């Protein structure tokens, strides 16, 4: 090497500097690795001028960089940014009866951005007549904890001089969920075991007038795992058929015992919808089952996820995730 021809201590110095430079370059390369884009993105019009966007939390990147924030884009332009501990946001100031497409991207603590998530389309509600009157306060908020990670809430409907178009459910000051105005029930999932929560509900009309908050309801989730909308004993196994040489993914789980709150689940492979399966009291043999043909490709990694349909008709957050690699 050229450095070996240099007399005295200089070779060691140059070699040391080279090692440091290579180390810094390697670190810089690692730090520039982009985080994963959010999955499970949904958008729901909660008034004539507001859309509620939700997504799934992104894990820390393999290079150790934590998620710092999420950005919501409309037509490729950033319209909102929230901290890493939030996975939903309201986009206000939109036009009535208008079509919109939203994406969400992740920013990590190294300043790197993910690619945008898949696009979700939504149409805002029609503009109401002149309306300055908010809906009445929702009444008789009541509910119960369903296991360790979910609660079931119900309330008495609000009234409005025009129409109640949605209800917003809050935990403390943070909005957790939105359901349509015809619904007076919501199941909240993804909660922490053995934790106390305080919930309130507010009604919203098409003019974005908000009612006063309902009386607060205090609930504590059970300690331990399982319960609520979360299935039990979620099993994912990978096998290779000796005849066609294809890999097959076998999925099964035991439906939750939660008063029949969850009737079906969606199965996703990465971000691709695979199928809908019965997951409530009608699951045959006490377990829901499905097999997916993954083809013959070796060394392919898949993220397998399932999510429940909630009583309000919306699809809840992804509750379970497993990762498999063919040929491993």
Foldseek 3Di string as FASTA:
>chain_A
DVLVPDDDPVSVVVVVVVVVVVVVVVLVVLLQDAFAFWAPWEWEAQAQFKIKIFTDQGAADPSRWGWAWKFKDKPRHTQDIDGNVDGMDMRGRHHGQDKTKMWMWTATPSRHIHDTDDIYMDTHHHADDDDDDAWAEWADWDWAAWAFFKIKIFTHATDDPTAFAWKFKDWVPHTQDIFGRVDGMWMGGRHGGFDKTKMWMWTAYNVRHIYPIYDIDIYTHHHDDDTDQAFAPWDWDWDADPPQRWIKIKTKTAAHPGVQFFQWKWKDKANHTDDIWGRGPPQPPRMIIDMDTPGNDAFDKIKIWMWTQGPSRHTHDTDDIDMDGHPD
